[in-house]
C-alpha cells in the first residue's frame, strides 16, 4: 500500500476566540498562517456581515485554500485549511491557534485523494 496523499484537509472548530468581528485582523491571521505554511497566496477576501456580526473569508492559495466563518455571538469560528504540495497545513493551524487564542479546539484531519498501490 502506498501512503501517498496529494493533500491535507484540516477542519478546526475554535471556541472562545478573539477578533471574530474584525475582518482586517482575521485577514492578517490568515495571511500569516499561509506564509508559515509555505503557501502562495493568490487572493484573500473577507466579508463582514455588519457591526458586531460575523465574518466569512477565504484565502485562495496556489496550494488550495484557507477559509473562516465566524459567529461572534457564540465566540465560535469554523476554519478549513486545505493544502497540497509542500505547503504544511499543520503549521497554518498552529499559527491560527496562536493568533485567535481559542479556549477550546476540535480538530479533524483528513488525507484527501489517498492512493493505494
Foldseek 3Di string as FASTA:
>chain_A
DDQDFQKKKKKKKFFQWPPFQPPVLVQVLQVVLCVQQVWAFPDKDKDHPDVVAGMWIWTQTPFGIKIWIGGSVRRIIIIMDMGGDSGDNVSSVVSNCVSTVGPDMDMDMDRPPGDDD
